[in-house]
N, C-alpha and C. Protein backbone atom coordinates (compact mmCIF):
# COMPACT_ATOMS: atom_id res chain seq x y z
N MET A 1 9.07 -25.37 -72.34
CA MET A 1 7.85 -25.97 -71.82
C MET A 1 6.52 -24.73 -71.77
N GLN A 2 7.15 -23.80 -71.86
CA GLN A 2 6.69 -21.96 -71.37
C GLN A 2 6.36 -21.25 -72.63
N MET A 3 7.53 -22.16 -73.77
CA MET A 3 7.95 -21.54 -75.20
C MET A 3 6.42 -21.40 -75.78
N LYS A 4 5.12 -22.68 -75.31
CA LYS A 4 4.61 -22.63 -76.08
C LYS A 4 3.31 -22.04 -75.99
N PRO A 5 2.66 -21.88 -74.92
CA PRO A 5 1.83 -20.40 -74.52
C PRO A 5 2.17 -19.40 -75.42
N ILE A 6 3.76 -18.64 -75.36
CA ILE A 6 4.23 -17.34 -75.90
C ILE A 6 3.63 -17.86 -77.54
N LEU A 7 4.18 -18.69 -77.99
CA LEU A 7 4.53 -19.11 -79.32
C LEU A 7 2.54 -18.97 -79.69
N SER A 8 2.08 -19.44 -78.93
CA SER A 8 0.34 -19.57 -79.16
C SER A 8 0.20 -18.39 -79.42
N ALA A 9 0.06 -17.31 -78.05
CA ALA A 9 -0.39 -15.55 -78.30
C ALA A 9 -0.17 -15.45 -79.18
N VAL A 10 1.17 -15.16 -80.09
CA VAL A 10 1.93 -14.61 -80.54
C VAL A 10 1.59 -14.87 -82.18
N ALA A 11 1.24 -16.11 -82.70
CA ALA A 11 -0.01 -16.76 -83.64
C ALA A 11 -1.08 -16.14 -83.81
N VAL A 12 -1.78 -16.23 -82.41
CA VAL A 12 -2.89 -15.30 -82.55
C VAL A 12 -3.22 -14.13 -82.26
N ALA A 13 -2.01 -13.45 -82.38
CA ALA A 13 -1.91 -11.54 -82.44
C ALA A 13 -1.98 -12.11 -83.99
N LEU A 14 -1.41 -12.48 -84.57
CA LEU A 14 -0.88 -11.66 -86.33
C LEU A 14 -1.56 -12.58 -86.67
N LEU A 15 -2.63 -13.56 -86.70
CA LEU A 15 -3.90 -13.37 -87.67
C LEU A 15 -4.45 -12.63 -87.00
N ALA A 16 -4.83 -12.14 -86.00
CA ALA A 16 -5.88 -11.34 -85.67
C ALA A 16 -5.60 -10.20 -86.62
N GLY A 17 -4.36 -9.52 -86.56
CA GLY A 17 -4.40 -8.37 -87.02
C GLY A 17 -4.39 -8.52 -88.70
N CYS A 18 -4.53 -9.98 -89.88
CA CYS A 18 -4.74 -9.76 -90.91
C CYS A 18 -6.41 -9.66 -90.99
N GLY A 19 -7.02 -10.29 -89.98
CA GLY A 19 -8.95 -9.49 -90.42
C GLY A 19 -9.20 -10.11 -91.04
N GLY A 20 -10.41 -9.67 -91.87
CA GLY A 20 -11.12 -10.73 -92.67
C GLY A 20 -10.66 -10.37 -93.63
N GLY A 21 -10.39 -9.35 -94.40
CA GLY A 21 -10.68 -8.66 -95.07
C GLY A 21 -11.27 -7.34 -95.67
N GLY A 22 -12.16 -7.10 -94.50
CA GLY A 22 -12.44 -6.06 -94.02
C GLY A 22 -13.77 -6.23 -93.97
N THR A 23 -14.80 -5.15 -94.39
CA THR A 23 -16.43 -5.06 -94.73
C THR A 23 -16.68 -5.65 -96.45
N PRO A 24 -18.13 -4.92 -95.89
CA PRO A 24 -18.16 -5.97 -97.25
C PRO A 24 -18.64 -5.02 -98.19
N ALA A 25 -18.12 -3.49 -97.95
CA ALA A 25 -17.53 -2.54 -98.77
C ALA A 25 -16.47 -2.64 -99.64
N ASP A 26 -15.57 -2.53 -98.35
CA ASP A 26 -14.03 -3.31 -98.25
C ASP A 26 -13.41 -4.21 -99.38
N ILE A 27 -14.18 -4.99 -99.38
CA ILE A 27 -13.53 -5.93 -100.26
C ILE A 27 -14.43 -5.53 -101.67
N ALA A 28 -15.75 -5.13 -101.43
CA ALA A 28 -16.00 -5.16 -103.37
C ALA A 28 -15.17 -4.07 -103.85
N ALA A 29 -14.45 -2.82 -103.00
CA ALA A 29 -13.65 -1.41 -103.02
C ALA A 29 -12.25 -2.02 -103.88
N LYS A 30 -12.21 -2.85 -103.07
CA LYS A 30 -9.83 -3.49 -103.86
C LYS A 30 -10.59 -4.12 -104.79
N ALA A 31 -12.00 -5.38 -104.93
CA ALA A 31 -12.58 -5.82 -106.12
C ALA A 31 -12.25 -5.13 -107.56
N CYS A 32 -13.10 -3.90 -107.52
CA CYS A 32 -13.20 -2.88 -107.93
C CYS A 32 -11.40 -2.50 -108.62
N ASP A 33 -10.59 -2.29 -107.92
CA ASP A 33 -9.77 -1.34 -108.20
C ASP A 33 -8.73 -2.60 -108.31
N ALA A 34 -8.59 -3.98 -108.46
CA ALA A 34 -7.66 -4.88 -108.80
C ALA A 34 -8.12 -5.07 -110.17
N GLN A 35 -9.30 -4.71 -110.97
CA GLN A 35 -9.97 -4.48 -112.39
C GLN A 35 -9.62 -3.80 -112.46
N VAL A 36 -9.66 -2.29 -112.22
CA VAL A 36 -8.64 -1.28 -112.56
C VAL A 36 -7.57 -1.00 -113.17
N GLN A 37 -6.86 -1.54 -112.23
CA GLN A 37 -5.50 -2.32 -112.42
C GLN A 37 -5.11 -2.99 -113.32
N GLN A 38 -5.48 -4.30 -114.40
CA GLN A 38 -5.86 -4.96 -115.44
C GLN A 38 -6.38 -4.53 -116.86
N GLN A 39 -7.44 -3.07 -116.11
CA GLN A 39 -8.24 -2.56 -117.69
C GLN A 39 -6.84 -1.13 -118.20
N VAL A 40 -6.08 -1.09 -116.49
CA VAL A 40 -5.20 0.24 -117.64
C VAL A 40 -3.48 -0.25 -117.67
N GLN A 41 -3.20 -1.40 -117.43
CA GLN A 41 -2.63 -2.17 -118.38
C GLN A 41 -1.11 -2.04 -117.92
N GLY A 42 -1.22 -0.91 -116.95
CA GLY A 42 0.51 -1.04 -116.28
C GLY A 42 0.23 0.88 -116.14
N GLN A 43 -0.39 1.43 -116.82
CA GLN A 43 -0.76 2.92 -116.80
C GLN A 43 -0.48 3.88 -114.95
N PRO A 44 -0.36 4.75 -115.18
CA PRO A 44 -0.34 4.77 -113.79
C PRO A 44 -1.47 5.35 -113.19
N TYR A 45 -2.41 5.45 -111.96
CA TYR A 45 -3.45 5.99 -112.34
C TYR A 45 -3.16 5.91 -109.96
N GLN A 46 -4.59 7.17 -109.93
CA GLN A 46 -4.71 7.05 -108.84
C GLN A 46 -6.32 6.65 -108.33
N LEU A 47 -6.68 6.62 -107.32
CA LEU A 47 -8.62 6.10 -106.40
C LEU A 47 -8.19 6.10 -105.66
N ASP A 48 -9.37 6.84 -104.51
CA ASP A 48 -9.23 6.71 -103.00
C ASP A 48 -10.05 6.12 -103.15
N LEU A 49 -10.07 4.75 -102.29
CA LEU A 49 -10.23 3.20 -102.36
C LEU A 49 -11.10 3.34 -101.07
N ALA A 50 -10.99 4.47 -100.21
CA ALA A 50 -11.88 4.58 -99.02
C ALA A 50 -13.10 5.52 -98.76
N MET A 51 -12.68 6.06 -100.45
CA MET A 51 -14.17 6.77 -100.53
C MET A 51 -15.12 5.62 -101.74
N LEU A 52 -14.16 4.63 -102.37
CA LEU A 52 -14.69 4.33 -103.59
C LEU A 52 -15.65 3.14 -102.50
N ALA A 53 -15.23 2.66 -101.52
CA ALA A 53 -15.62 1.57 -100.67
C ALA A 53 -17.32 2.19 -99.52
N SER A 54 -16.96 4.13 -99.72
CA SER A 54 -17.92 4.21 -98.98
C SER A 54 -19.13 5.15 -99.73
N SER A 55 -18.64 5.05 -101.08
CA SER A 55 -19.81 4.91 -102.51
C SER A 55 -20.81 3.47 -102.41
N MET A 56 -20.56 2.39 -101.58
CA MET A 56 -21.25 1.08 -102.05
C MET A 56 -22.71 1.45 -101.66
N LYS A 57 -23.91 1.34 -102.72
CA LYS A 57 -24.95 1.39 -103.26
C LYS A 57 -25.88 0.20 -103.52
N ASP A 58 -26.44 -0.28 -103.44
CA ASP A 58 -27.56 -0.75 -103.72
C ASP A 58 -28.30 -0.83 -105.16
N ASP A 59 -27.79 -1.27 -106.31
CA ASP A 59 -27.89 -1.22 -108.00
C ASP A 59 -29.79 -1.43 -107.59
N GLY A 60 -29.90 -2.09 -107.35
CA GLY A 60 -31.18 -2.71 -107.39
C GLY A 60 -31.75 -3.48 -108.40
N ARG A 61 -30.76 -4.53 -108.64
CA ARG A 61 -30.73 -5.71 -109.26
C ARG A 61 -29.43 -7.35 -108.56
N GLY A 62 -29.59 -6.43 -107.06
CA GLY A 62 -28.96 -7.99 -106.48
C GLY A 62 -27.28 -7.47 -106.54
N GLY A 63 -26.61 -6.83 -106.97
CA GLY A 63 -25.66 -6.23 -106.97
C GLY A 63 -25.20 -5.00 -106.19
N HIS A 64 -24.43 -4.48 -106.19
CA HIS A 64 -23.97 -3.25 -106.00
C HIS A 64 -23.15 -2.15 -106.50
N LEU A 65 -23.30 -1.08 -107.00
CA LEU A 65 -22.57 0.16 -107.40
C LEU A 65 -21.67 1.08 -106.20
N LEU A 66 -20.88 0.85 -106.81
CA LEU A 66 -19.24 2.48 -106.28
C LEU A 66 -18.60 2.83 -107.36
N THR A 67 -18.88 4.23 -107.06
CA THR A 67 -18.13 4.95 -108.02
C THR A 67 -17.44 5.99 -107.49
N VAL A 68 -16.60 6.45 -107.75
CA VAL A 68 -15.02 7.84 -107.49
C VAL A 68 -14.78 8.05 -108.61
N PRO A 69 -14.33 9.47 -108.23
CA PRO A 69 -12.72 10.03 -109.41
C PRO A 69 -11.50 9.22 -108.93
N VAL A 70 -10.95 8.84 -110.84
CA VAL A 70 -10.22 8.50 -110.57
C VAL A 70 -9.25 9.57 -111.92
N THR A 71 -7.68 9.03 -111.43
CA THR A 71 -7.14 9.79 -112.21
C THR A 71 -6.04 8.90 -112.88
N VAL A 72 -6.14 8.73 -114.51
CA VAL A 72 -5.55 8.13 -114.93
C VAL A 72 -4.67 8.51 -115.72
N ASN A 73 -3.13 7.60 -116.22
CA ASN A 73 -1.97 8.24 -116.36
C ASN A 73 -1.35 9.53 -115.87
N LEU A 74 -1.43 9.02 -114.20
CA LEU A 74 -1.08 10.35 -113.45
C LEU A 74 0.55 10.55 -113.45
N GLY A 75 0.37 11.34 -113.59
CA GLY A 75 1.78 11.80 -113.76
C GLY A 75 2.03 12.40 -115.32
N LEU A 76 1.66 12.29 -116.06
CA LEU A 76 2.03 11.94 -117.70
C LEU A 76 1.14 13.34 -118.37
N ALA A 77 1.49 13.85 -119.46
CA ALA A 77 0.75 14.70 -120.15
C ALA A 77 -0.44 14.57 -120.00
N ASP A 78 -0.87 13.21 -120.79
CA ASP A 78 -2.27 13.48 -121.23
C ASP A 78 -2.83 12.63 -119.72
N GLN A 79 -2.74 12.67 -118.60
CA GLN A 79 -3.32 12.66 -117.62
C GLN A 79 -4.32 13.17 -117.33
N SER A 80 -5.44 12.59 -117.00
CA SER A 80 -7.33 12.96 -116.91
C SER A 80 -8.04 12.28 -115.77
N VAL A 81 -8.66 12.87 -115.00
CA VAL A 81 -9.64 12.57 -114.20
C VAL A 81 -10.94 12.17 -114.67
N GLN A 82 -11.36 10.98 -114.64
CA GLN A 82 -12.18 10.31 -115.00
C GLN A 82 -13.38 9.80 -113.57
N GLN A 83 -14.91 9.78 -114.41
CA GLN A 83 -15.41 8.93 -112.88
C GLN A 83 -15.17 8.04 -113.03
N LEU A 84 -14.97 6.52 -112.26
CA LEU A 84 -15.32 5.23 -112.44
C LEU A 84 -16.66 4.83 -111.64
N GLU A 85 -16.98 3.45 -112.41
CA GLU A 85 -18.68 2.74 -111.68
C GLU A 85 -17.75 1.74 -112.31
N CYS A 86 -17.96 1.17 -111.20
CA CYS A 86 -17.70 -0.29 -110.63
C CYS A 86 -18.94 -1.47 -110.59
N SER A 87 -19.59 -1.96 -111.30
CA SER A 87 -20.49 -2.51 -110.99
C SER A 87 -20.01 -4.00 -109.79
N VAL A 88 -20.52 -4.46 -108.66
CA VAL A 88 -20.17 -5.66 -108.33
C VAL A 88 -21.25 -6.72 -107.23
N ARG A 89 -21.20 -7.76 -107.52
CA ARG A 89 -21.65 -9.11 -106.84
C ARG A 89 -21.11 -9.37 -105.76
N LEU A 90 -21.53 -9.34 -104.50
CA LEU A 90 -20.93 -9.73 -103.28
C LEU A 90 -21.37 -10.77 -103.14
N THR A 91 -21.28 -12.23 -102.40
CA THR A 91 -21.79 -13.87 -101.93
C THR A 91 -20.67 -14.75 -100.99
N GLY A 92 -21.98 -15.14 -100.82
CA GLY A 92 -20.85 -16.02 -99.61
C GLY A 92 -21.03 -15.58 -97.92
N ASP A 93 -19.78 -15.80 -96.79
CA ASP A 93 -19.76 -15.77 -95.79
C ASP A 93 -18.68 -16.73 -95.13
N PRO A 94 -17.47 -15.58 -95.19
CA PRO A 94 -17.16 -14.03 -95.38
C PRO A 94 -17.49 -13.66 -97.38
N PRO A 95 -17.78 -12.78 -97.29
CA PRO A 95 -18.41 -12.61 -98.63
C PRO A 95 -17.16 -12.19 -99.73
N THR A 96 -17.35 -12.57 -100.97
CA THR A 96 -16.26 -12.26 -102.26
C THR A 96 -17.08 -11.43 -102.84
N ALA A 97 -16.29 -10.95 -103.91
CA ALA A 97 -16.52 -9.71 -105.13
C ALA A 97 -16.41 -10.39 -105.96
N GLU A 98 -17.26 -9.94 -107.00
CA GLU A 98 -17.06 -10.43 -108.32
C GLU A 98 -17.03 -9.38 -109.48
N VAL A 99 -16.56 -8.81 -109.75
CA VAL A 99 -17.30 -7.57 -110.72
C VAL A 99 -17.72 -8.01 -111.52
N LEU A 100 -18.84 -7.38 -112.09
CA LEU A 100 -19.37 -7.56 -112.71
C LEU A 100 -19.64 -6.49 -114.20
N ASN A 101 -19.14 -5.64 -114.15
CA ASN A 101 -18.48 -4.82 -115.33
C ASN A 101 -17.72 -3.33 -114.03
N VAL A 102 -17.01 -2.74 -115.08
CA VAL A 102 -16.05 -1.78 -114.41
C VAL A 102 -16.16 0.01 -115.64
N ARG A 103 -16.71 1.44 -115.95
CA ARG A 103 -16.64 1.84 -116.40
C ARG A 103 -15.91 3.52 -115.90
N PHE A 104 -15.36 3.66 -117.39
CA PHE A 104 -14.22 4.89 -117.17
C PHE A 104 -15.78 5.81 -117.49
N ILE A 105 -15.86 7.13 -117.06
CA ILE A 105 -16.70 8.26 -117.94
C ILE A 105 -15.90 9.08 -117.73
N TRP A 106 -16.09 9.36 -119.27
CA TRP A 106 -14.88 10.77 -119.01
C TRP A 106 -15.86 12.08 -118.72
């Protein structure tokens, strides 16, 4: 009978550790990163997710703009650093992110 309270406490602790996905900026940055993964089609790349999240600004059109340098073809002969611009719309509570546009600027 003492096992139920212990299992309940463990379950609550595990759920608390999962969190709600972070701040709206974190959610937007993760959505941008997922879109970048699709666009580079398996090529190695690197971006600073925390820096991307901290760059989030209102775009003046009901969305948000996130920017960060991104290294494409990481470790390959044709490696290049580009500027990533990602437009995102956040909706709902808890918020979800819809990526509207991703641009790589040379």
